[in-house]
Amino acid sequence: MSAKKRFRPLWITLHWLMALLVFVTFTIGLFSLAYKPNSNAKIIPLAVHMTLGIAILLIVIARYIMRILIYPPSRRAATAPAVTAKKAPFLDQLTPYVHPLLYLLTGLMALLGIAIALPADLFSTVFGRSGAPLPANFYIYPARTWHGTLSLVLMLLILQHVLVAIFHQFIKGENYLGRMWFTKK
């Protein structure tokens, strides 16, 4: 695989780091935060969730700035004309929209998290150990409903992203995943 067909190591690192952080943050939100009462036992998972959310926001901003200002990621090599004459699968047709939406929704998720944390004074409660109790219910903040709903939309978008990668890797045999891993030149 030529270097032009591969992503740069920085892109690969940021991609997989962000994937890991999003997965862990979503898992913590779903299994440690969403359906448990707001008690002191929730402080540590909430601190991890918030910290990872802020890290994700910083990575999204860095990736977007790099994509626009420094260098865009390499594109997949064109397929043979006989293959392109066929109609692309539906999920494949969505691909041009998925990456901008992934950036937008992931950044928006983190901003909505901050929009919950600020009025709830979570930064001083969770990180400053102010001793103040957590709010009885986070749904008193409008951003909480949006944060939860957007997390499901984001997971569906990520699922589409993964399904397209699997399709290209295993069904079309394009070594799609080789572009997004640390392979030899």
N, C-alpha and C. Protein backbone atom coordinates (compact mmCIF):
# COMPACT_ATOMS: atom_id res chain seq x y z
N MET A 1 0.85 -1.17 0.00
CA MET A 1 0.00 0.00 0.00
C MET A 1 0.90 1.23 0.00
N SER A 2 0.67 2.13 -0.92
CA SER A 2 1.52 3.31 -1.01
C SER A 2 1.16 4.32 0.07
N ALA A 3 2.10 5.21 0.33
CA ALA A 3 1.90 6.22 1.37
C ALA A 3 0.73 7.12 1.02
N LYS A 4 0.47 7.35 -0.28
CA LYS A 4 -0.63 8.22 -0.68
C LYS A 4 -1.98 7.61 -0.38
N LYS A 5 -2.05 6.31 -0.27
CA LYS A 5 -3.31 5.64 0.03
C LYS A 5 -3.55 5.53 1.54
N ARG A 6 -2.55 5.84 2.32
CA ARG A 6 -2.65 5.71 3.77
C ARG A 6 -2.86 7.06 4.41
N PHE A 7 -3.42 7.03 5.60
CA PHE A 7 -3.50 8.24 6.40
C PHE A 7 -2.17 8.46 7.09
N ARG A 8 -1.90 9.67 7.44
CA ARG A 8 -0.66 9.99 8.15
C ARG A 8 -0.75 9.44 9.58
N PRO A 9 0.38 9.11 10.18
CA PRO A 9 0.37 8.54 11.53
C PRO A 9 -0.36 9.42 12.56
N LEU A 10 -0.26 10.73 12.44
CA LEU A 10 -0.98 11.61 13.37
C LEU A 10 -2.48 11.44 13.23
N TRP A 11 -2.98 11.35 11.99
CA TRP A 11 -4.41 11.12 11.77
C TRP A 11 -4.85 9.79 12.37
N ILE A 12 -4.04 8.77 12.15
CA ILE A 12 -4.37 7.44 12.66
C ILE A 12 -4.43 7.46 14.18
N THR A 13 -3.44 8.08 14.80
CA THR A 13 -3.40 8.16 16.26
C THR A 13 -4.61 8.90 16.80
N LEU A 14 -4.92 10.04 16.22
CA LEU A 14 -6.07 10.82 16.70
C LEU A 14 -7.39 10.10 16.45
N HIS A 15 -7.48 9.40 15.32
CA HIS A 15 -8.70 8.65 15.01
C HIS A 15 -8.97 7.59 16.07
N TRP A 16 -7.96 6.75 16.33
CA TRP A 16 -8.18 5.65 17.27
C TRP A 16 -8.26 6.13 18.72
N LEU A 17 -7.53 7.18 19.06
CA LEU A 17 -7.66 7.76 20.40
C LEU A 17 -9.06 8.29 20.61
N MET A 18 -9.56 9.01 19.61
CA MET A 18 -10.91 9.56 19.73
C MET A 18 -11.95 8.44 19.78
N ALA A 19 -11.77 7.41 18.95
CA ALA A 19 -12.71 6.28 18.97
C ALA A 19 -12.75 5.64 20.36
N LEU A 20 -11.58 5.43 20.94
CA LEU A 20 -11.50 4.84 22.28
C LEU A 20 -12.18 5.75 23.32
N LEU A 21 -11.86 7.03 23.28
CA LEU A 21 -12.44 7.96 24.26
C LEU A 21 -13.95 8.06 24.12
N VAL A 22 -14.46 8.09 22.89
CA VAL A 22 -15.91 8.16 22.68
C VAL A 22 -16.57 6.89 23.21
N PHE A 23 -15.99 5.74 22.92
CA PHE A 23 -16.55 4.48 23.40
C PHE A 23 -16.58 4.43 24.93
N VAL A 24 -15.47 4.79 25.56
CA VAL A 24 -15.40 4.75 27.03
C VAL A 24 -16.37 5.77 27.64
N THR A 25 -16.41 6.96 27.08
CA THR A 25 -17.30 8.01 27.60
C THR A 25 -18.76 7.60 27.46
N PHE A 26 -19.12 7.04 26.31
CA PHE A 26 -20.49 6.57 26.11
C PHE A 26 -20.82 5.44 27.08
N THR A 27 -19.91 4.52 27.27
CA THR A 27 -20.13 3.40 28.19
C THR A 27 -20.32 3.90 29.62
N ILE A 28 -19.48 4.82 30.06
CA ILE A 28 -19.62 5.38 31.41
C ILE A 28 -20.96 6.10 31.54
N GLY A 29 -21.31 6.89 30.54
CA GLY A 29 -22.57 7.62 30.58
C GLY A 29 -23.76 6.69 30.66
N LEU A 30 -23.72 5.61 29.89
CA LEU A 30 -24.85 4.69 29.84
C LEU A 30 -24.94 3.79 31.08
N PHE A 31 -23.81 3.24 31.50
CA PHE A 31 -23.86 2.24 32.56
C PHE A 31 -23.56 2.78 33.97
N SER A 32 -22.90 3.93 34.08
CA SER A 32 -22.56 4.43 35.42
C SER A 32 -23.29 5.72 35.78
N LEU A 33 -23.88 6.38 34.79
CA LEU A 33 -24.48 7.68 35.09
C LEU A 33 -25.98 7.76 34.78
N ALA A 34 -26.40 7.26 33.65
CA ALA A 34 -27.76 7.53 33.16
C ALA A 34 -28.87 7.00 34.07
N TYR A 35 -28.72 5.84 34.60
CA TYR A 35 -29.84 5.22 35.32
C TYR A 35 -29.58 5.03 36.81
N LYS A 36 -28.61 5.74 37.35
CA LYS A 36 -28.31 5.62 38.77
C LYS A 36 -28.64 6.93 39.47
N PRO A 37 -29.03 6.85 40.73
CA PRO A 37 -29.37 8.08 41.45
C PRO A 37 -28.13 8.98 41.64
N ASN A 38 -28.39 10.26 41.69
CA ASN A 38 -27.30 11.23 41.86
C ASN A 38 -26.87 11.27 43.33
N SER A 39 -25.84 10.49 43.62
CA SER A 39 -25.30 10.42 44.97
C SER A 39 -23.79 10.62 44.88
N ASN A 40 -23.12 10.58 46.04
CA ASN A 40 -21.67 10.73 46.05
C ASN A 40 -20.97 9.60 45.30
N ALA A 41 -21.61 8.45 45.17
CA ALA A 41 -21.02 7.33 44.43
C ALA A 41 -20.90 7.66 42.94
N LYS A 42 -21.61 8.65 42.49
CA LYS A 42 -21.60 9.03 41.08
C LYS A 42 -20.50 10.04 40.76
N ILE A 43 -19.84 10.59 41.77
CA ILE A 43 -18.84 11.65 41.57
C ILE A 43 -17.65 11.17 40.72
N ILE A 44 -17.09 10.03 41.04
CA ILE A 44 -15.90 9.56 40.32
C ILE A 44 -16.24 9.21 38.86
N PRO A 45 -17.30 8.43 38.58
CA PRO A 45 -17.62 8.18 37.16
C PRO A 45 -17.95 9.48 36.42
N LEU A 46 -18.59 10.41 37.11
CA LEU A 46 -18.92 11.70 36.49
C LEU A 46 -17.64 12.49 36.19
N ALA A 47 -16.68 12.44 37.08
CA ALA A 47 -15.40 13.13 36.86
C ALA A 47 -14.68 12.55 35.65
N VAL A 48 -14.67 11.22 35.53
CA VAL A 48 -14.03 10.58 34.38
C VAL A 48 -14.78 10.94 33.10
N HIS A 49 -16.10 10.86 33.14
CA HIS A 49 -16.94 11.18 31.99
C HIS A 49 -16.70 12.63 31.52
N MET A 50 -16.67 13.55 32.45
CA MET A 50 -16.45 14.96 32.12
C MET A 50 -15.05 15.19 31.57
N THR A 51 -14.05 14.59 32.19
CA THR A 51 -12.67 14.75 31.74
C THR A 51 -12.50 14.21 30.33
N LEU A 52 -13.03 13.03 30.07
CA LEU A 52 -12.93 12.45 28.73
C LEU A 52 -13.71 13.28 27.72
N GLY A 53 -14.87 13.81 28.13
CA GLY A 53 -15.66 14.65 27.24
C GLY A 53 -14.89 15.90 26.82
N ILE A 54 -14.19 16.51 27.76
CA ILE A 54 -13.39 17.69 27.44
C ILE A 54 -12.21 17.31 26.55
N ALA A 55 -11.60 16.17 26.82
CA ALA A 55 -10.50 15.69 25.96
C ALA A 55 -11.00 15.44 24.54
N ILE A 56 -12.18 14.85 24.41
CA ILE A 56 -12.77 14.62 23.10
C ILE A 56 -13.01 15.94 22.37
N LEU A 57 -13.53 16.93 23.08
CA LEU A 57 -13.76 18.23 22.47
C LEU A 57 -12.45 18.84 21.96
N LEU A 58 -11.40 18.74 22.74
CA LEU A 58 -10.10 19.27 22.31
C LEU A 58 -9.56 18.53 21.09
N ILE A 59 -9.75 17.21 21.04
CA ILE A 59 -9.29 16.43 19.89
C ILE A 59 -10.11 16.79 18.65
N VAL A 60 -11.42 16.94 18.81
CA VAL A 60 -12.27 17.33 17.67
C VAL A 60 -11.82 18.67 17.11
N ILE A 61 -11.57 19.62 17.99
CA ILE A 61 -11.11 20.94 17.54
C ILE A 61 -9.77 20.82 16.82
N ALA A 62 -8.85 20.07 17.41
CA ALA A 62 -7.52 19.90 16.80
C ALA A 62 -7.63 19.22 15.44
N ARG A 63 -8.43 18.17 15.34
CA ARG A 63 -8.59 17.46 14.07
C ARG A 63 -9.23 18.35 13.02
N TYR A 64 -10.21 19.13 13.41
CA TYR A 64 -10.88 20.00 12.45
C TYR A 64 -9.93 21.09 11.95
N ILE A 65 -9.17 21.69 12.85
CA ILE A 65 -8.21 22.72 12.45
C ILE A 65 -7.15 22.12 11.53
N MET A 66 -6.66 20.94 11.88
CA MET A 66 -5.66 20.29 11.03
C MET A 66 -6.25 19.96 9.66
N ARG A 67 -7.48 19.51 9.63
CA ARG A 67 -8.13 19.15 8.37
C ARG A 67 -8.29 20.37 7.46
N ILE A 68 -8.62 21.51 8.05
CA ILE A 68 -8.86 22.71 7.26
C ILE A 68 -7.56 23.45 6.94
N LEU A 69 -6.72 23.68 7.95
CA LEU A 69 -5.58 24.56 7.78
C LEU A 69 -4.28 23.87 7.37
N ILE A 70 -4.02 22.71 7.90
CA ILE A 70 -2.70 22.10 7.70
C ILE A 70 -2.71 21.14 6.53
N TYR A 71 -3.48 20.08 6.62
CA TYR A 71 -3.55 19.14 5.51
C TYR A 71 -4.79 18.28 5.65
N PRO A 72 -5.48 18.11 4.53
CA PRO A 72 -6.62 17.19 4.57
C PRO A 72 -6.13 15.76 4.54
N PRO A 73 -6.90 14.83 5.09
CA PRO A 73 -6.49 13.42 5.02
C PRO A 73 -6.52 12.93 3.58
N SER A 74 -5.72 11.92 3.30
CA SER A 74 -5.70 11.36 1.94
C SER A 74 -7.04 10.68 1.67
N ARG A 75 -7.40 10.67 0.42
CA ARG A 75 -8.65 10.04 0.01
C ARG A 75 -8.39 8.62 -0.48
N ARG A 76 -9.44 7.81 -0.45
CA ARG A 76 -9.35 6.44 -0.93
C ARG A 76 -9.09 6.46 -2.42
N ALA A 77 -8.27 5.56 -2.89
CA ALA A 77 -7.97 5.48 -4.32
C ALA A 77 -9.23 5.15 -5.08
N ALA A 78 -9.34 5.68 -6.28
CA ALA A 78 -10.51 5.42 -7.12
C ALA A 78 -10.57 3.94 -7.48
N THR A 79 -11.78 3.43 -7.54
CA THR A 79 -11.96 2.02 -7.90
C THR A 79 -12.04 1.91 -9.42
N ALA A 80 -11.98 0.71 -9.91
CA ALA A 80 -12.02 0.46 -11.35
C ALA A 80 -13.32 0.98 -11.95
N PRO A 81 -13.33 1.46 -13.21
CA PRO A 81 -14.54 2.00 -13.83
C PRO A 81 -15.70 1.02 -13.85
N ALA A 82 -15.43 -0.26 -14.04
CA ALA A 82 -16.52 -1.24 -14.06
C ALA A 82 -17.22 -1.31 -12.72
N VAL A 83 -16.46 -1.13 -11.64
CA VAL A 83 -17.05 -1.19 -10.30
C VAL A 83 -17.83 0.09 -10.01
N THR A 84 -17.30 1.23 -10.45
CA THR A 84 -17.97 2.50 -10.15
C THR A 84 -19.25 2.66 -10.95
N ALA A 85 -19.43 1.91 -12.04
CA ALA A 85 -20.65 2.01 -12.83
C ALA A 85 -21.84 1.46 -12.05
N LYS A 86 -21.60 0.53 -11.15
CA LYS A 86 -22.67 0.00 -10.32
C LYS A 86 -23.09 1.05 -9.31
N LYS A 87 -24.34 0.97 -8.90
CA LYS A 87 -24.83 1.90 -7.89
C LYS A 87 -24.22 1.53 -6.54
N ALA A 88 -23.68 2.54 -5.85
CA ALA A 88 -23.06 2.30 -4.54
C ALA A 88 -24.12 1.95 -3.51
N PRO A 89 -23.78 1.11 -2.55
CA PRO A 89 -24.72 0.81 -1.48
C PRO A 89 -25.12 2.08 -0.73
N PHE A 90 -26.30 2.05 -0.16
CA PHE A 90 -26.85 3.23 0.52
C PHE A 90 -25.90 3.79 1.56
N LEU A 91 -25.36 2.94 2.40
CA LEU A 91 -24.46 3.43 3.45
C LEU A 91 -23.21 4.06 2.85
N ASP A 92 -22.76 3.54 1.72
CA ASP A 92 -21.59 4.11 1.05
C ASP A 92 -21.90 5.51 0.50
N GLN A 93 -23.13 5.73 0.06
CA GLN A 93 -23.53 7.03 -0.46
C GLN A 93 -23.54 8.10 0.63
N LEU A 94 -23.71 7.69 1.86
CA LEU A 94 -23.73 8.64 2.98
C LEU A 94 -22.34 9.07 3.42
N THR A 95 -21.31 8.38 2.96
CA THR A 95 -19.94 8.59 3.43
C THR A 95 -19.47 10.05 3.37
N PRO A 96 -19.74 10.80 2.29
CA PRO A 96 -19.24 12.19 2.27
C PRO A 96 -19.82 13.06 3.39
N TYR A 97 -20.97 12.67 3.90
CA TYR A 97 -21.61 13.47 4.94
C TYR A 97 -21.23 13.01 6.35
N VAL A 98 -20.74 11.79 6.46
CA VAL A 98 -20.51 11.20 7.78
C VAL A 98 -19.39 11.89 8.54
N HIS A 99 -18.24 12.13 7.91
CA HIS A 99 -17.13 12.73 8.64
C HIS A 99 -17.45 14.13 9.15
N PRO A 100 -18.02 15.02 8.33
CA PRO A 100 -18.41 16.33 8.89
C PRO A 100 -19.44 16.19 10.02
N LEU A 101 -20.37 15.26 9.86
CA LEU A 101 -21.36 15.06 10.93
C LEU A 101 -20.72 14.48 12.19
N LEU A 102 -19.76 13.59 12.03
CA LEU A 102 -19.06 13.05 13.20
C LEU A 102 -18.36 14.16 13.97
N TYR A 103 -17.67 15.05 13.25
CA TYR A 103 -17.03 16.19 13.90
C TYR A 103 -18.07 17.06 14.61
N LEU A 104 -19.11 17.42 13.88
CA LEU A 104 -20.14 18.32 14.42
C LEU A 104 -20.82 17.73 15.65
N LEU A 105 -21.31 16.50 15.52
CA LEU A 105 -22.08 15.90 16.62
C LEU A 105 -21.20 15.58 17.83
N THR A 106 -19.97 15.15 17.59
CA THR A 106 -19.08 14.85 18.71
C THR A 106 -18.74 16.13 19.47
N GLY A 107 -18.43 17.19 18.74
CA GLY A 107 -18.17 18.48 19.39
C GLY A 107 -19.39 19.00 20.11
N LEU A 108 -20.55 18.86 19.47
CA LEU A 108 -21.80 19.32 20.09
C LEU A 108 -22.12 18.54 21.36
N MET A 109 -21.83 17.24 21.34
CA MET A 109 -22.05 16.42 22.55
C MET A 109 -21.26 16.98 23.73
N ALA A 110 -19.99 17.29 23.48
CA ALA A 110 -19.14 17.83 24.55
C ALA A 110 -19.64 19.19 25.00
N LEU A 111 -20.05 20.03 24.07
CA LEU A 111 -20.56 21.36 24.43
C LEU A 111 -21.86 21.25 25.22
N LEU A 112 -22.70 20.29 24.88
CA LEU A 112 -23.93 20.08 25.65
C LEU A 112 -23.60 19.57 27.06
N GLY A 113 -22.57 18.76 27.17
CA GLY A 113 -22.12 18.32 28.49
C GLY A 113 -21.69 19.51 29.34
N ILE A 114 -20.96 20.43 28.72
CA ILE A 114 -20.55 21.65 29.44
C ILE A 114 -21.77 22.49 29.78
N ALA A 115 -22.77 22.50 28.88
CA ALA A 115 -24.00 23.26 29.14
C ALA A 115 -24.81 22.66 30.29
N ILE A 116 -24.57 21.43 30.62
CA ILE A 116 -25.18 20.82 31.82
C ILE A 116 -24.32 21.16 33.04
N ALA A 117 -23.01 21.03 32.87
CA ALA A 117 -22.08 21.18 34.00
C ALA A 117 -22.06 22.60 34.57
N LEU A 118 -22.14 23.60 33.72
CA LEU A 118 -22.04 24.98 34.22
C LEU A 118 -23.19 25.38 35.14
N PRO A 119 -24.45 25.25 34.72
CA PRO A 119 -25.52 25.64 35.65
C PRO A 119 -25.65 24.71 36.86
N ALA A 120 -25.21 23.47 36.71
CA ALA A 120 -25.26 22.52 37.83
C ALA A 120 -24.07 22.68 38.75
N ASP A 121 -23.13 23.56 38.40
CA ASP A 121 -21.91 23.80 39.16
C ASP A 121 -21.12 22.51 39.39
N LEU A 122 -21.09 21.69 38.35
CA LEU A 122 -20.42 20.39 38.46
C LEU A 122 -18.90 20.50 38.54
N PHE A 123 -18.33 21.54 37.95
CA PHE A 123 -16.88 21.66 37.99
C PHE A 123 -16.38 21.82 39.43
N SER A 124 -17.08 22.63 40.23
CA SER A 124 -16.64 22.78 41.62
C SER A 124 -17.05 21.58 42.47
N THR A 125 -18.20 20.98 42.16
CA THR A 125 -18.66 19.82 42.92
C THR A 125 -17.78 18.60 42.64
N VAL A 126 -17.50 18.35 41.38
CA VAL A 126 -16.79 17.13 40.99
C VAL A 126 -15.28 17.29 41.13
N PHE A 127 -14.74 18.41 40.62
CA PHE A 127 -13.29 18.57 40.61
C PHE A 127 -12.78 19.39 41.80
N GLY A 128 -13.59 20.33 42.27
CA GLY A 128 -13.16 21.18 43.38
C GLY A 128 -13.50 20.60 44.74
N ARG A 129 -14.22 19.47 44.73
CA ARG A 129 -14.61 18.81 45.98
C ARG A 129 -15.24 19.82 46.95
N SER A 130 -16.19 20.60 46.42
CA SER A 130 -16.85 21.63 47.22
C SER A 130 -17.75 21.03 48.31
N GLY A 131 -18.12 19.80 48.14
CA GLY A 131 -18.99 19.16 49.12
C GLY A 131 -20.46 19.36 48.81
N ALA A 132 -20.76 20.18 47.81
CA ALA A 132 -22.15 20.39 47.42
C ALA A 132 -22.69 19.10 46.81
N PRO A 133 -23.94 18.80 47.07
CA PRO A 133 -24.51 17.58 46.49
C PRO A 133 -24.77 17.77 44.99
N LEU A 134 -24.82 16.65 44.30
CA LEU A 134 -25.22 16.69 42.90
C LEU A 134 -26.69 17.07 42.83
N PRO A 135 -27.13 17.69 41.74
CA PRO A 135 -28.56 17.97 41.60
C PRO A 135 -29.35 16.66 41.70
N ALA A 136 -30.55 16.75 42.23
CA ALA A 136 -31.38 15.55 42.37
C ALA A 136 -31.66 14.91 41.02
N ASN A 137 -31.77 15.74 39.98
CA ASN A 137 -32.08 15.24 38.65
C ASN A 137 -31.43 16.17 37.62
N PHE A 138 -30.63 15.63 36.73
CA PHE A 138 -29.98 16.45 35.71
C PHE A 138 -30.95 16.88 34.62
N TYR A 139 -32.13 16.26 34.55
CA TYR A 139 -33.09 16.61 33.51
C TYR A 139 -33.75 17.97 33.76
N ILE A 140 -33.45 18.60 34.89
CA ILE A 140 -33.95 19.97 35.09
C ILE A 140 -33.21 20.94 34.17
N TYR A 141 -32.10 20.49 33.61
CA TYR A 141 -31.33 21.30 32.67
C TYR A 141 -31.69 20.85 31.25
N PRO A 142 -32.18 21.77 30.41
CA PRO A 142 -32.62 21.38 29.07
C PRO A 142 -31.53 20.68 28.25
N ALA A 143 -30.28 21.03 28.47
CA ALA A 143 -29.20 20.42 27.70
C ALA A 143 -29.09 18.91 27.97
N ARG A 144 -29.57 18.44 29.11
CA ARG A 144 -29.46 17.01 29.45
C ARG A 144 -30.24 16.15 28.48
N THR A 145 -31.45 16.56 28.13
CA THR A 145 -32.25 15.79 27.18
C THR A 145 -31.57 15.75 25.82
N TRP A 146 -31.04 16.89 25.39
CA TRP A 146 -30.33 16.96 24.11
C TRP A 146 -29.07 16.12 24.14
N HIS A 147 -28.34 16.13 25.26
CA HIS A 147 -27.10 15.36 25.41
C HIS A 147 -27.40 13.87 25.25
N GLY A 148 -28.44 13.40 25.91
CA GLY A 148 -28.80 11.98 25.83
C GLY A 148 -29.30 11.58 24.45
N THR A 149 -30.14 12.41 23.86
CA THR A 149 -30.68 12.10 22.53
C THR A 149 -29.56 12.12 21.48
N LEU A 150 -28.71 13.12 21.57
CA LEU A 150 -27.61 13.23 20.61
C LEU A 150 -26.63 12.06 20.74
N SER A 151 -26.49 11.52 21.95
CA SER A 151 -25.58 10.38 22.12
C SER A 151 -26.08 9.18 21.31
N LEU A 152 -27.38 8.99 21.26
CA LEU A 152 -27.93 7.88 20.47
C LEU A 152 -27.75 8.13 18.97
N VAL A 153 -27.98 9.36 18.53
CA VAL A 153 -27.78 9.71 17.12
C VAL A 153 -26.31 9.51 16.75
N LEU A 154 -25.42 9.95 17.63
CA LEU A 154 -23.99 9.80 17.37
C LEU A 154 -23.60 8.33 17.29
N MET A 155 -24.16 7.49 18.15
CA MET A 155 -23.85 6.07 18.10
C MET A 155 -24.33 5.44 16.79
N LEU A 156 -25.49 5.87 16.28
CA LEU A 156 -25.97 5.37 14.99
C LEU A 156 -25.05 5.81 13.86
N LEU A 157 -24.57 7.03 13.93
CA LEU A 157 -23.65 7.54 12.92
C LEU A 157 -22.32 6.77 12.96
N ILE A 158 -21.85 6.49 14.17
CA ILE A 158 -20.62 5.71 14.32
C ILE A 158 -20.82 4.29 13.79
N LEU A 159 -22.01 3.73 14.04
CA LEU A 159 -22.32 2.39 13.53
C LEU A 159 -22.28 2.39 12.00
N GLN A 160 -22.82 3.42 11.37
CA GLN A 160 -22.76 3.54 9.91
C GLN A 160 -21.31 3.58 9.44
N HIS A 161 -20.50 4.36 10.13
CA HIS A 161 -19.08 4.51 9.82
C HIS A 161 -18.38 3.14 9.89
N VAL A 162 -18.66 2.39 10.92
CA VAL A 162 -18.05 1.07 11.11
C VAL A 162 -18.55 0.09 10.05
N LEU A 163 -19.85 0.11 9.75
CA LEU A 163 -20.39 -0.81 8.74
C LEU A 163 -19.79 -0.56 7.36
N VAL A 164 -19.60 0.71 7.00
CA VAL A 164 -18.98 1.02 5.71
C VAL A 164 -17.54 0.51 5.69
N ALA A 165 -16.82 0.70 6.78
CA ALA A 165 -15.44 0.21 6.85
C ALA A 165 -15.40 -1.31 6.71
N ILE A 166 -16.30 -2.00 7.38
CA ILE A 166 -16.36 -3.46 7.29
C ILE A 166 -16.71 -3.89 5.86
N PHE A 167 -17.66 -3.21 5.24
CA PHE A 167 -18.07 -3.52 3.87
C PHE A 167 -16.88 -3.41 2.92
N HIS A 168 -16.15 -2.29 3.02
CA HIS A 168 -15.02 -2.09 2.11
C HIS A 168 -13.86 -3.05 2.41
N GLN A 169 -13.67 -3.37 3.67
CA GLN A 169 -12.56 -4.24 4.05
C GLN A 169 -12.82 -5.69 3.65
N PHE A 170 -13.98 -6.20 4.03
CA PHE A 170 -14.20 -7.64 3.91
C PHE A 170 -15.04 -8.05 2.70
N ILE A 171 -15.94 -7.21 2.25
CA ILE A 171 -16.77 -7.59 1.11
C ILE A 171 -16.14 -7.14 -0.20
N LYS A 172 -15.66 -5.89 -0.24
CA LYS A 172 -15.03 -5.40 -1.46
C LYS A 172 -13.53 -5.68 -1.49
N GLY A 173 -12.95 -6.09 -0.37
CA GLY A 173 -11.54 -6.45 -0.31
C GLY A 173 -10.58 -5.31 -0.62
N GLU A 174 -10.89 -4.11 -0.16
CA GLU A 174 -10.10 -2.93 -0.49
C GLU A 174 -9.02 -2.58 0.53
N ASN A 175 -8.82 -3.42 1.52
CA ASN A 175 -7.86 -3.12 2.59
C ASN A 175 -8.13 -1.74 3.18
N TYR A 176 -9.38 -1.47 3.37
CA TYR A 176 -9.85 -0.18 3.90
C TYR A 176 -9.26 0.12 5.26
N LEU A 177 -9.22 -0.90 6.10
CA LEU A 177 -8.69 -0.69 7.45
C LEU A 177 -7.18 -0.50 7.46
N GLY A 178 -6.50 -0.98 6.41
CA GLY A 178 -5.07 -0.77 6.30
C GLY A 178 -4.71 0.71 6.16
N ARG A 179 -5.63 1.50 5.62
CA ARG A 179 -5.41 2.94 5.50
C ARG A 179 -5.41 3.61 6.86
N MET A 180 -6.13 3.02 7.80
CA MET A 180 -6.30 3.66 9.10
C MET A 180 -5.57 2.88 10.18
N TRP A 181 -4.43 2.29 9.81
CA TRP A 181 -3.60 1.61 10.80
C TRP A 181 -2.15 1.88 10.45
N PHE A 182 -1.27 1.59 11.40
CA PHE A 182 0.16 1.84 11.24
C PHE A 182 0.78 0.71 10.43
N THR A 183 0.72 0.81 9.12
CA THR A 183 1.28 -0.20 8.26
C THR A 183 2.59 0.29 7.66
N LYS A 184 3.36 -0.65 7.15
CA LYS A 184 4.62 -0.28 6.49
C LYS A 184 4.32 0.36 5.16
N LYS A 185 5.20 1.25 4.75
CA LYS A 185 5.02 1.93 3.46
C LYS A 185 5.24 0.97 2.32
